[in-house]
Every structure is written in C-alpha cells, then in structure tokens.
Amino acid sequence: MIKNKKPAEQQPNNPLHGVKLAEIVQYLVSTYGWKELGAIVKINSFNNNPTIKSSLKFLRKTEWAREKVEKLYLQTIKNE
C-alpha cells in the first residue's frame, strides 16, 4: 500500500508547484500592467483587449506561451 505524500515532498525542486496559472497571470498584470506585459511576452491575449479569462484560455492551450509566462514569473519573483 502506497501512502500519499505531502505536496512539498512530491515535487520539492519545482518552484511552480502549487501555484495556479491564474495566480501567475494576476501577479504579472499587477506587477507590469497589460501594456508592459504584452511588450515582454508578445501574445495577442496580452495586447488586444486583454482580460485574465482570455489570457488563461490561450495559455492553457498554448504550451510555448505558458512557458514564457512561467519563466517571466520566476524571473520576477527571483528579483524581488
């Protein structure tokens, strides 16, 4: 019988473990604003009538864009 491990034990080296994509996008928008965020990560959902909902929908379907957003998030929290 396998016992359930605590979340921190399952992925101890993953800094994104337990962080929701919505939290990442909200944090980046509050840090940079839509205009600057759209200049850094060039995707339409950040530049044309941006909303959290439309951005999440795109990022969940598009791996390369999600990876860029996650990388920016990690760089931003590292520099705080």
Protein backbone atom coordinates (compact mmCIF):
# COMPACT_ATOMS: atom_id res chain seq x y z
CA MET A 1 0.00 0.00 0.00
CA ILE A 2 1.37 3.41 -1.06
CA LYS A 3 0.89 6.28 1.33
CA ASN A 4 0.06 9.72 -0.04
CA LYS A 5 2.99 12.09 0.15
CA LYS A 6 2.68 15.71 1.11
CA PRO A 7 2.71 18.08 -1.91
CA ALA A 8 6.11 19.52 -0.98
CA GLU A 9 7.58 16.02 -0.94
CA GLN A 10 6.20 15.17 -4.38
CA GLN A 11 7.97 18.00 -6.24
CA PRO A 12 10.47 19.63 -3.90
CA ASN A 13 12.53 21.25 -6.68
CA ASN A 14 9.65 22.68 -8.70
CA PRO A 15 9.18 26.37 -7.78
CA LEU A 16 5.85 26.45 -9.65
CA HIS A 17 4.36 23.52 -7.75
CA GLY A 18 1.13 24.62 -6.11
CA VAL A 19 1.00 27.94 -7.97
CA LYS A 20 -2.04 28.26 -10.23
CA LEU A 21 -1.74 29.76 -13.70
CA ALA A 22 -4.40 32.32 -12.78
CA GLU A 23 -2.29 33.45 -9.82
CA ILE A 24 0.75 33.82 -12.09
CA VAL A 25 -1.12 35.94 -14.64
CA GLN A 26 -2.73 38.12 -11.94
CA TYR A 27 0.65 38.66 -10.31
CA LEU A 28 2.31 39.63 -13.60
CA VAL A 29 -0.52 42.00 -14.53
CA SER A 30 -0.33 43.68 -11.13
CA THR A 31 3.46 43.94 -11.42
CA TYR A 32 3.82 45.05 -15.04
CA GLY A 33 0.37 46.05 -16.29
CA TRP A 34 -1.11 44.74 -19.54
CA LYS A 35 0.83 47.09 -21.82
CA GLU A 36 4.28 46.23 -20.48
CA LEU A 37 3.38 42.55 -20.10
CA GLY A 38 2.30 42.50 -23.76
CA ALA A 39 5.62 44.06 -24.77
CA ILE A 40 7.60 41.47 -22.81
CA VAL A 41 5.55 38.41 -23.83
CA LYS A 42 4.26 39.11 -27.32
CA ILE A 43 0.91 37.32 -27.44
CA ASN A 44 -2.38 38.78 -28.64
CA SER A 45 -4.27 37.98 -25.46
CA PHE A 46 -1.98 40.46 -23.64
CA ASN A 47 -2.14 43.15 -26.33
CA ASN A 48 -5.65 43.17 -27.83
CA ASN A 49 -8.48 43.78 -25.34
CA PRO A 50 -6.72 41.80 -22.58
CA THR A 51 -8.56 40.02 -19.80
CA ILE A 52 -7.47 37.41 -17.29
CA LYS A 53 -10.05 34.99 -18.68
CA SER A 54 -8.96 35.28 -22.33
CA SER A 55 -5.30 35.07 -21.36
CA LEU A 56 -5.84 31.93 -19.30
CA LYS A 57 -7.79 30.29 -22.10
CA PHE A 58 -4.95 30.93 -24.55
CA LEU A 59 -2.17 29.97 -22.14
CA ARG A 60 -3.82 26.68 -21.22
CA LYS A 61 -3.93 25.68 -24.90
CA THR A 62 -0.53 27.05 -25.95
CA GLU A 63 2.47 25.46 -24.26
CA TRP A 64 5.16 27.80 -25.65
CA ALA A 65 3.29 30.88 -24.42
CA ARG A 66 2.65 29.35 -20.99
CA GLU A 67 6.35 28.53 -20.70
CA LYS A 68 7.29 32.16 -21.46
CA VAL A 69 4.83 33.43 -18.85
CA GLU A 70 6.07 30.96 -16.24
CA LYS A 71 9.69 31.90 -16.98
CA LEU A 72 8.89 35.61 -16.60
CA TYR A 73 7.09 34.90 -13.33
CA LEU A 74 10.09 33.00 -11.93
CA GLN A 75 12.49 35.77 -13.01
CA THR A 76 10.24 38.42 -11.46
CA ILE A 77 9.85 36.73 -8.08
CA LYS A 78 13.58 35.93 -8.02
CA ASN A 79 14.46 39.62 -8.44
CA GLU A 80 12.20 40.83 -5.63
